[in-house]
Protein backbone atom coordinates (compact mmCIF):
# COMPACT_ATOMS: atom_id res chain seq x y z
CA MET A 1 38.44 -19.74 25.90
CA SER A 2 35.71 -17.40 27.11
CA ILE A 3 35.49 -13.42 26.67
CA PRO A 4 36.02 -11.21 29.70
CA PRO A 5 32.64 -9.46 30.40
CA ALA A 6 34.33 -6.23 30.64
CA LEU A 7 35.75 -6.82 27.26
CA VAL A 8 31.96 -7.47 26.16
CA LYS A 9 30.52 -4.55 27.94
CA THR A 10 32.90 -2.51 26.47
CA ALA A 11 32.17 -3.35 22.86
CA ARG A 12 28.37 -3.35 23.33
CA ILE A 13 29.26 0.17 24.09
CA GLY A 14 31.32 1.23 21.71
CA TRP A 15 29.46 -0.21 18.86
CA ASN A 16 25.97 1.18 20.13
CA LEU A 17 27.31 4.51 20.10
CA GLN A 18 28.91 4.01 16.68
CA TRP A 19 25.93 2.63 15.89
CA LYS A 20 23.96 5.43 16.81
CA GLN A 21 26.15 7.85 15.11
CA LEU A 22 25.84 5.58 11.37
CA MET A 23 22.47 6.15 12.18
CA LYS A 24 22.42 9.93 12.01
CA GLY A 25 23.15 9.64 8.33
CA LEU A 26 20.51 6.88 7.45
CA ALA A 27 17.68 8.14 9.43
CA PRO A 28 17.12 11.70 11.20
CA ALA A 29 15.49 10.90 14.45
CA ASP A 30 13.80 13.17 17.44
CA GLN A 31 15.54 13.15 20.96
CA GLN A 32 13.04 10.37 22.05
CA GLY A 33 14.55 8.11 19.09
CA ASN A 34 11.39 8.05 17.16
CA TYR A 35 12.34 7.97 13.53
CA GLN A 36 11.27 11.75 11.41
CA ARG A 37 11.33 11.27 7.78
CA PRO A 38 13.05 13.80 5.61
CA PRO A 39 10.11 16.15 3.86
CA SER A 40 10.47 15.75 0.09
CA GLN A 41 11.70 19.34 -1.41
CA LYS A 42 9.93 19.32 -4.93
CA GLN A 43 6.19 18.76 -4.37
CA ASN A 44 4.70 21.07 -6.77
CA ALA A 45 4.15 19.17 -9.82
CA SER A 46 1.49 19.09 -11.73
CA PRO A 47 0.18 17.26 -15.26
CA PRO A 48 1.28 19.23 -18.66
CA THR A 49 -1.45 19.92 -21.08
CA LEU A 50 -2.26 17.03 -23.95
CA GLU A 51 -0.79 19.74 -26.27
CA ASP A 52 2.54 19.86 -24.40
CA ILE A 53 2.28 16.27 -25.00
CA GLN A 54 2.11 15.83 -28.60
CA ARG A 55 4.24 17.97 -29.58
CA ARG A 56 7.03 15.51 -27.90
CA SER A 57 9.60 13.24 -29.29
CA GLU A 58 10.02 9.83 -28.05
CA LYS A 59 13.15 11.69 -27.13
CA THR A 60 11.72 14.72 -25.73
CA ARG A 61 9.27 12.31 -23.68
CA HIS A 62 8.63 12.74 -19.99
CA ARG A 63 10.29 10.60 -17.73
CA LEU A 64 9.98 9.12 -14.71
CA ILE A 65 12.86 8.07 -12.91
CA ILE A 66 11.89 4.91 -10.20
CA GLY A 67 14.42 2.52 -8.26
CA ARG A 68 12.80 -1.46 -8.12
CA SER A 69 13.49 -1.17 -4.26
CA CYS A 70 12.07 2.13 -3.14
CA PRO A 71 8.45 1.62 -2.27
CA TRP A 72 7.78 5.34 -2.94
CA ALA A 73 8.77 4.99 -6.48
CA HIS A 74 7.38 1.78 -6.55
CA ARG A 75 3.50 3.71 -6.06
CA THR A 76 4.31 6.09 -9.39
CA TRP A 77 5.45 3.38 -11.23
CA LEU A 78 1.97 1.07 -10.44
CA VAL A 79 -0.36 4.38 -11.08
CA HIS A 80 1.69 3.95 -15.09
CA GLN A 81 1.37 0.64 -15.25
CA LEU A 82 -2.68 0.86 -14.24
CA ARG A 83 -4.10 3.64 -16.40
CA ASN A 84 -1.31 2.40 -19.89
CA LEU A 85 1.22 5.94 -19.71
CA HIS A 86 3.41 4.12 -21.50
CA SER A 87 2.97 6.28 -24.74
CA GLN A 88 3.17 9.34 -22.58
CA ILE A 89 5.85 8.71 -19.90
CA THR A 90 9.18 7.00 -20.25
CA ILE A 91 9.82 4.87 -17.23
CA LEU A 92 13.89 4.98 -16.23
CA THR A 93 15.03 2.88 -13.42
CA ALA A 94 18.07 4.11 -11.25
CA LYS A 95 19.85 1.56 -9.35
CA VAL A 96 21.86 1.54 -5.75
CA ASP A 97 25.67 2.97 -5.88
CA LYS A 98 26.16 0.90 -2.76
CA GLU A 99 29.75 2.52 -2.18
CA ALA A 100 28.69 6.20 -2.87
CA GLY A 101 25.16 6.01 -1.18
CA LEU A 102 23.18 7.61 -4.42
CA TRP A 103 21.06 6.18 -7.35
CA LYS A 104 22.71 5.61 -10.34
CA LEU A 105 22.16 5.71 -13.63
CA GLU A 106 22.92 2.94 -16.27
CA PRO A 107 23.09 3.68 -19.13
CA THR A 108 23.76 7.69 -18.53
CA TRP A 109 20.55 10.12 -19.69
CA LEU A 110 21.14 13.39 -20.87
CA GLY A 111 24.49 13.12 -20.08
CA CYS A 112 23.57 12.22 -16.69
CA ASP A 113 25.42 9.10 -14.79
CA SER A 114 23.98 9.60 -11.29
CA LEU A 115 20.28 11.01 -9.78
CA LEU A 116 22.20 13.82 -8.63
CA SER A 117 23.80 14.82 -11.63
CA LEU A 118 20.44 15.03 -13.21
CA TYR A 119 19.10 16.87 -10.26
CA LYS A 120 21.71 19.03 -11.06
CA ALA A 121 21.35 19.58 -14.42
CA CYS A 122 17.48 20.37 -13.68
CA GLY A 123 19.00 23.26 -11.59
CA THR A 124 17.47 22.35 -8.32
CA PRO A 125 18.79 23.84 -5.07
CA PRO A 126 22.27 22.31 -4.15
CA ASN A 127 19.97 21.51 -0.85
CA HIS A 128 17.94 19.33 -2.09
CA ARG A 129 18.19 15.28 -1.89
CA ALA A 130 18.01 13.34 -4.68
CA THR A 131 15.93 10.85 -4.91
CA VAL A 132 12.86 8.70 -6.23
CA PRO A 133 11.20 9.27 -7.81
CA ALA A 134 11.29 11.96 -9.66
CA LEU A 135 9.23 12.73 -12.95
CA ILE A 136 11.57 14.95 -15.57
CA ALA A 137 10.45 17.19 -18.16
CA PRO A 138 13.17 16.82 -20.74
CA GLY A 139 13.88 20.63 -22.45
CA ILE A 140 12.50 20.41 -26.01
CA GLY A 141 15.30 22.40 -28.29
CA ASP A 142 18.89 23.38 -27.68
CA GLU A 143 18.30 26.16 -25.37
CA GLN A 144 15.90 24.45 -22.47
CA HIS A 145 17.10 22.84 -20.03
CA PRO A 146 15.42 19.74 -18.29
CA GLN A 147 12.82 19.97 -15.39
CA LEU A 148 11.99 18.44 -11.94
CA LEU A 149 8.69 18.78 -11.97
CA GLY A 150 8.18 16.70 -9.07
CA ASN A 151 9.54 14.17 -6.34
CA GLU A 152 6.90 13.90 -3.81
CA SER A 153 5.18 10.57 -4.29
CA ALA A 154 1.66 11.27 -3.06
CA GLN A 155 1.54 13.94 -5.02
CA LEU A 156 2.80 12.55 -8.17
CA VAL A 157 0.32 9.37 -7.91
CA GLU A 158 -2.08 12.03 -8.24
CA THR A 159 -0.31 14.10 -10.94
CA LEU A 160 -0.01 10.83 -13.17
CA ASN A 161 -3.74 9.73 -12.30
CA GLN A 162 -4.39 13.57 -14.17
CA TRP A 163 -2.61 13.10 -16.99
CA PRO A 164 -4.09 13.29 -19.69
CA SER A 165 -4.10 10.47 -22.14
CA MET A 166 -5.33 9.87 -25.95
CA GLN A 167 -7.58 6.98 -24.76
CA ASN A 168 -10.03 5.77 -21.61
CA THR A 169 -8.00 4.91 -18.76
CA LEU A 170 -8.51 4.30 -15.47
CA ASN A 171 -9.39 6.86 -12.90
CA LEU A 172 -8.50 6.11 -9.39
CA GLU A 173 -9.61 9.20 -7.35
CA PRO A 174 -13.24 9.04 -8.48
CA LYS A 175 -15.18 12.10 -7.15
CA ASN A 176 -16.76 9.87 -4.83
CA CYS A 177 -14.39 8.80 -3.46
CA LYS A 178 -11.86 11.36 -2.81
CA ASP A 179 -12.95 11.96 1.36
CA GLU A 180 -12.63 7.92 1.79
CA ILE A 181 -9.35 8.66 -0.13
CA LYS A 182 -7.80 11.18 1.92
CA TYR A 183 -8.78 9.42 5.23
CA TRP A 184 -7.14 6.06 4.09
CA ASN A 185 -3.86 8.66 2.55
CA HIS A 186 -3.32 10.23 5.93
CA MET A 187 -4.15 6.97 8.13
CA LEU A 188 -1.88 4.57 6.46
CA GLN A 189 0.95 7.14 5.55
CA SER A 190 1.20 8.32 9.66
CA SER A 191 0.95 4.50 10.99
CA VAL A 192 1.68 2.05 8.22
CA ASN A 193 3.68 3.06 5.20
CA ASP A 194 5.83 5.50 7.41
CA GLY A 195 5.25 2.62 10.17
CA VAL A 196 7.26 0.03 9.34
CA TYR A 197 10.48 2.59 9.20
CA ARG A 198 9.87 3.73 12.03
CA CYS A 199 10.18 0.14 13.82
CA GLY A 200 13.29 -0.27 11.32
CA PHE A 201 14.37 3.15 12.09
CA ALA A 202 13.43 3.59 16.14
CA ARG A 203 16.33 4.28 18.64
CA THR A 204 15.40 3.26 21.68
CA GLN A 205 13.35 0.57 22.78
CA THR A 206 10.00 3.10 23.77
CA ALA A 207 9.90 4.59 20.17
CA TYR A 208 10.21 1.05 18.55
CA ASN A 209 7.14 -0.08 20.97
CA LYS A 210 5.08 2.96 19.79
CA ALA A 211 5.57 2.46 16.24
CA SER A 212 5.24 -0.96 16.24
CA GLN A 213 1.80 -0.39 18.21
CA GLU A 214 0.79 2.30 15.39
CA LEU A 215 1.63 0.25 13.10
CA PHE A 216 -0.55 -3.09 13.61
CA HIS A 217 -3.38 -0.77 15.21
CA GLY A 218 -3.32 0.85 11.14
CA LEU A 219 -3.50 -2.84 10.05
CA LYS A 220 -6.41 -3.99 12.12
CA LEU A 221 -8.24 -1.10 10.68
CA VAL A 222 -7.47 -1.44 7.40
CA GLU A 223 -8.60 -5.71 8.10
CA LYS A 224 -11.62 -4.78 9.48
CA SER A 225 -12.95 -2.29 6.66
CA LEU A 226 -11.63 -5.02 4.05
CA SER A 227 -13.91 -7.42 6.00
CA LYS A 228 -17.34 -4.96 5.81
CA LYS A 229 -16.71 -3.52 2.69
CA GLY A 230 -14.16 -4.89 0.46
CA PRO A 231 -12.74 -5.82 -2.09
CA TRP A 232 -10.91 -2.71 -2.31
CA LEU A 233 -10.28 0.14 0.43
CA CYS A 234 -13.05 2.33 -1.27
CA GLY A 235 -15.31 -0.67 -2.01
CA LYS A 236 -16.08 -1.60 -5.56
CA LYS A 237 -13.94 0.51 -7.05
CA LEU A 238 -9.77 0.09 -7.39
CA THR A 239 -8.67 3.88 -5.93
CA LEU A 240 -5.20 5.25 -4.91
CA ALA A 241 -5.96 4.46 -1.09
CA ASP A 242 -5.01 0.55 -2.65
CA VAL A 243 -2.18 1.92 -4.72
CA ARG A 244 -0.41 3.93 -1.71
CA LEU A 245 -0.58 0.51 0.46
CA PHE A 246 0.19 -1.94 -2.05
CA PRO A 247 3.88 -1.27 -2.07
CA THR A 248 4.62 -1.30 1.37
CA LEU A 249 2.48 -4.74 2.12
CA ILE A 250 4.39 -6.51 -0.90
CA ARG A 251 7.14 -6.11 0.49
CA TRP A 252 6.57 -7.31 3.75
CA GLU A 253 7.08 -10.90 4.55
CA ASN A 254 11.03 -10.37 2.52
CA ILE A 255 11.45 -7.18 4.41
CA TYR A 256 9.65 -5.09 6.70
CA MET A 257 9.21 -8.48 9.13
CA PRO A 258 13.11 -10.05 8.69
CA LEU A 259 14.83 -6.79 8.39
CA PHE A 260 12.83 -3.54 10.12
CA LYS A 261 11.14 -6.34 13.22
CA CYS A 262 7.39 -6.08 12.33
CA THR A 263 7.15 -8.84 14.02
CA GLN A 264 4.06 -8.38 16.78
CA GLU A 265 1.80 -10.33 14.23
CA PRO A 266 2.28 -12.24 11.13
CA LEU A 267 0.68 -10.76 8.00
CA SER A 268 -1.33 -14.00 7.63
CA THR A 269 -3.34 -13.38 10.82
CA PHE A 270 -5.23 -10.26 8.62
CA PRO A 271 -6.90 -12.95 6.11
CA ASN A 272 -8.75 -10.52 4.35
CA ILE A 273 -5.74 -7.83 3.86
CA CYS A 274 -3.78 -11.16 2.46
CA ARG A 275 -6.40 -11.72 -0.37
CA TRP A 276 -6.36 -8.38 -0.83
CA ARG A 277 -2.55 -8.44 -1.56
CA SER A 278 -3.23 -11.14 -3.41
CA ARG A 279 -5.82 -9.56 -5.91
CA PHE A 280 -3.48 -6.41 -6.36
CA PHE A 281 -0.85 -8.54 -7.47
CA SER A 282 -3.17 -10.24 -10.19
CA LEU A 283 -4.32 -7.33 -11.79
CA PRO A 284 -2.43 -6.50 -15.36
CA LEU A 285 0.79 -5.37 -15.15
CA ILE A 286 1.57 -5.52 -11.49
CA ALA A 287 3.91 -8.61 -11.10
CA GLU A 288 6.45 -7.19 -13.37
CA THR A 289 6.58 -4.37 -10.79
CA CYS A 290 7.74 -6.50 -7.98
CA ASN A 291 11.05 -8.04 -7.70
CA ALA A 292 11.54 -9.84 -4.00
CA GLU A 293 15.21 -10.52 -5.03
CA ALA A 294 16.17 -6.36 -6.04
CA TRP A 295 14.33 -5.82 -2.58
CA ARG A 296 16.60 -8.00 -0.30
CA GLU A 297 19.78 -7.24 -2.62
CA ASP A 298 19.26 -3.60 -1.80
CA TYR A 299 17.76 -3.21 1.66
CA PHE A 300 20.00 -5.93 3.27
CA GLY A 301 23.08 -5.23 1.12
CA SER A 302 22.95 -1.30 1.28
CA LEU A 303 21.31 -0.93 4.83
CA PHE A 304 24.62 -1.21 6.98
CA PRO A 305 23.93 0.50 10.21
CA LEU A 306 20.41 -2.07 10.25
CA HIS A 307 22.89 -5.55 8.60
CA PRO A 308 26.12 -4.80 9.32
CA SER A 309 27.09 -8.26 7.75
CA ASN A 310 25.57 -7.56 4.53
CA ILE A 311 24.88 -10.86 3.86
CA VAL A 312 21.68 -11.59 1.86
CA PRO A 313 18.99 -13.60 3.30
CA ALA A 314 17.19 -15.91 1.21
CA GLY A 315 13.07 -15.03 1.10
CA PRO A 316 9.80 -16.47 0.34
CA GLU A 317 8.22 -16.17 -4.24
CA LEU A 318 5.94 -13.76 -4.04
CA SER A 319 3.63 -15.97 -6.08
CA ASN A 320 3.67 -18.04 -3.69
CA ILE A 321 2.88 -15.79 -0.96
CA VAL A 322 0.06 -14.68 -3.06
CA SER A 323 -1.36 -17.57 -3.81
CA LYS A 324 -1.22 -19.00 -0.73
CA ALA A 325 -4.17 -16.30 0.09
CA PHE A 326 -6.42 -17.48 -2.68
CA ARG A 327 -5.87 -21.41 -1.57
CA GLN A 328 -7.14 -20.09 2.04
CA LYS A 329 -10.39 -18.61 0.73
CA GLN A 330 -11.43 -21.86 -1.02
């Protein structure tokens, strides 16, 4: 028995109206349907003194709260790994609570079972969104409360790069690269890192088309630059520019292409980008920050307005993706 056309039309209109209502809560947009990322609300992070770090015990050591699926948290985790800050900063991994729509802390920390309750314990204003990454300084002594030092990822990677260390660690922002890093940060944030979300969260065809064009234009600029001066975005040295791009591109085949409709061209048409991505993935301690299964579980299982069935699809193994780029080079 065929479905009456009038019923199909009514269902389409009804679902579209409900979808737009759900999307308001998930991803704000302007009147033209372009996704507008809300700004982070704690942006004044600065590194502590070495004396402050040295007087802290393991219990009162700074904590970096991340979520495995969040690319913005991933970039801060990468700096933590690359600079070997394990003895100065402890990583805490928050988990997505799909039903409540918030980040859970398991096990609890400082008596808090969610990131929201931890933000409140830090005295954060009620209107601040509880987001990852979050850099927390536990109080020292019974009278002191924990402090939220920052939750804006672009700034936190700079803070972590300046973090005092008792050993020689990698400097990801060398003076002779600062202008170039600034250029890449501005360009990549707008066209690529946020561009995949503007594709996925677009409300209209026009908004999607615009976001897709800007996204792939940005990728072409990266590809051209790598072909001329590689192996890294700023030449011979790994920098924060590379750190800020990697979380987006390592999620490409598993998340952004299938779910966010970043399909104008396959990433394989950018061979220099693919080799760059493989080179980054192969750096010490980086692979352990990448978990495609966890990413798919959180994105496909949680973003109901984009994926109402909540069915988590199979996806390619990261090791196969990155090794393919090296095989193609040979």
